[in-house]
């Protein structure tokens, strides 16, 4: 004996499958976006650190240079 599903049951199952597939896709996309945002934040933070270090090194070099040769910039 075959099981016969009503049109309503078929529609409900199709809708349920569609919602589940959509939720899975949204979850996967969210994971990708979250990872990308994290990676961008890490890269920007690394760049900021590098720029601070470069600025501090330049300041120290200028300070050292001024103390070594006070007439260097005159």
C-alpha atoms as a PDB file:
ATOM      1  CA  UNK A   1       0.000   0.000   0.000  1.00  0.00           C
ATOM      2  CA  UNK A   2       1.385   3.409  -0.977  1.00  0.00           C
ATOM      3  CA  UNK A   3       1.339   6.384   1.327  1.00  0.00           C
ATOM      4  CA  UNK A   4      -0.468   9.260  -0.296  1.00  0.00           C
ATOM      5  CA  UNK A   5       0.343  12.738   0.866  1.00  0.00           C
ATOM      6  CA  UNK A   6      -2.149  15.506   0.554  1.00  0.00           C
ATOM      7  CA  UNK A   7      -1.312  18.590  -1.473  1.00  0.00           C
ATOM      8  CA  UNK A   8      -1.136  20.536   1.785  1.00  0.00           C
ATOM      9  CA  UNK A   9       1.384  18.100   3.269  1.00  0.00           C
ATOM     10  CA  UNK A  10       3.501  18.255   0.103  1.00  0.00           C
ATOM     11  CA  UNK A  11       3.468  22.065   0.208  1.00  0.00           C
ATOM     12  CA  UNK A  12       4.328  22.080   3.908  1.00  0.00           C
ATOM     13  CA  UNK A  13       7.274  19.731   3.327  1.00  0.00           C
ATOM     14  CA  UNK A  14       8.510  21.795   0.381  1.00  0.00           C
ATOM     15  CA  UNK A  15       8.267  25.003   2.425  1.00  0.00           C
ATOM     16  CA  UNK A  16      10.034  23.375   5.365  1.00  0.00           C
ATOM     17  CA  UNK A  17      12.862  22.142   3.115  1.00  0.00           C
ATOM     18  CA  UNK A  18      13.159  25.600   1.578  1.00  0.00           C
ATOM     19  CA  UNK A  19      13.364  27.285   4.979  1.00  0.00           C
ATOM     20  CA  UNK A  20      15.974  24.777   6.165  1.00  0.00           C
ATOM     21  CA  UNK A  21      18.075  25.263   3.023  1.00  0.00           C
ATOM     22  CA  UNK A  22      17.846  29.035   3.390  1.00  0.00           C
ATOM     23  CA  UNK A  23      18.867  28.894   7.052  1.00  0.00           C
ATOM     24  CA  UNK A  24      21.849  26.707   6.180  1.00  0.00           C
ATOM     25  CA  UNK A  25      22.949  29.061   3.393  1.00  0.00           C
ATOM     26  CA  UNK A  26      22.545  32.142   5.600  1.00  0.00           C
ATOM     27  CA  UNK A  27      24.598  30.449   8.311  1.00  0.00           C
ATOM     28  CA  UNK A  28      27.374  29.616   5.851  1.00  0.00           C
ATOM     29  CA  UNK A  29      27.385  33.146   4.426  1.00  0.00           C
ATOM     30  CA  UNK A  30      27.426  34.643   7.924  1.00  0.00           C
ATOM     31  CA  UNK A  31      30.434  32.513   8.818  1.00  0.00           C
ATOM     32  CA  UNK A  32      32.289  33.692   5.713  1.00  0.00           C
ATOM     33  CA  UNK A  33      31.467  37.354   6.396  1.00  0.00           C
ATOM     34  CA  UNK A  34      32.419  37.054  10.064  1.00  0.00           C
ATOM     35  CA  UNK A  35      35.767  35.562   9.102  1.00  0.00           C
ATOM     36  CA  UNK A  36      36.377  38.282   6.530  1.00  0.00           C
ATOM     37  CA  UNK A  37      35.567  41.059   9.018  1.00  0.00           C
ATOM     38  CA  UNK A  38      37.888  39.454  11.568  1.00  0.00           C
ATOM     39  CA  UNK A  39      40.695  39.204   8.987  1.00  0.00           C
ATOM     40  CA  UNK A  40      40.247  42.832   7.902  1.00  0.00           C
ATOM     41  CA  UNK A  41      40.291  44.000  11.536  1.00  0.00           C
ATOM     42  CA  UNK A  42      43.489  42.025  12.114  1.00  0.00           C
ATOM     43  CA  UNK A  43      45.137  43.500   9.009  1.00  0.00           C
ATOM     44  CA  UNK A  44      44.132  47.068   9.900  1.00  0.00           C
ATOM     45  CA  UNK A  45      45.361  46.564  13.457  1.00  0.00           C
ATOM     46  CA  UNK A  46      48.678  45.242  12.160  1.00  0.00           C
ATOM     47  CA  UNK A  47      49.038  48.216   9.836  1.00  0.00           C
ATOM     48  CA  UNK A  48      48.290  50.639  12.675  1.00  0.00           C
ATOM     49  CA  UNK A  49      50.926  48.953  14.834  1.00  0.00           C
ATOM     50  CA  UNK A  50      53.472  49.184  12.022  1.00  0.00           C
ATOM     51  CA  UNK A  51      52.698  52.868  11.471  1.00  0.00           C
ATOM     52  CA  UNK A  52      53.074  53.663  15.185  1.00  0.00           C
ATOM     53  CA  UNK A  53      56.407  51.826  15.262  1.00  0.00           C
ATOM     54  CA  UNK A  54      57.628  53.676  12.159  1.00  0.00           C
ATOM     55  CA  UNK A  55      56.578  57.021  13.649  1.00  0.00           C
ATOM     56  CA  UNK A  56      58.287  56.278  16.954  1.00  0.00           C
ATOM     57  CA  UNK A  57      61.461  55.132  15.197  1.00  0.00           C
ATOM     58  CA  UNK A  58      61.530  58.294  13.096  1.00  0.00           C
ATOM     59  CA  UNK A  59      61.040  60.460  16.189  1.00  0.00           C
ATOM     60  CA  UNK A  60      63.843  58.669  18.021  1.00  0.00           C
ATOM     61  CA  UNK A  61      66.129  58.974  15.003  1.00  0.00           C
ATOM     62  CA  UNK A  62      65.444  62.703  14.701  1.00  0.00           C
ATOM     63  CA  UNK A  63      65.960  63.167  18.429  1.00  0.00           C
ATOM     64  CA  UNK A  64      69.246  61.232  18.335  1.00  0.00           C
ATOM     65  CA  UNK A  65      70.376  63.118  15.250  1.00  0.00           C
ATOM     66  CA  UNK A  66      69.627  66.503  16.822  1.00  0.00           C
ATOM     67  CA  UNK A  67      71.647  65.598  19.920  1.00  0.00           C
ATOM     68  CA  UNK A  68      74.569  64.279  17.849  1.00  0.00           C
ATOM     69  CA  UNK A  69      74.777  67.274  15.494  1.00  0.00           C
ATOM     70  CA  UNK A  70      72.904  70.355  16.728  1.00  0.00           C
ATOM     71  CA  UNK A  71      73.686  72.302  13.532  1.00  0.00           C
ATOM     72  CA  UNK A  72      72.479  69.578  11.158  1.00  0.00           C
ATOM     73  CA  UNK A  73      69.219  71.317  10.292  1.00  0.00           C
ATOM     74  CA  UNK A  74      70.426  74.914  10.262  1.00  0.00           C
END
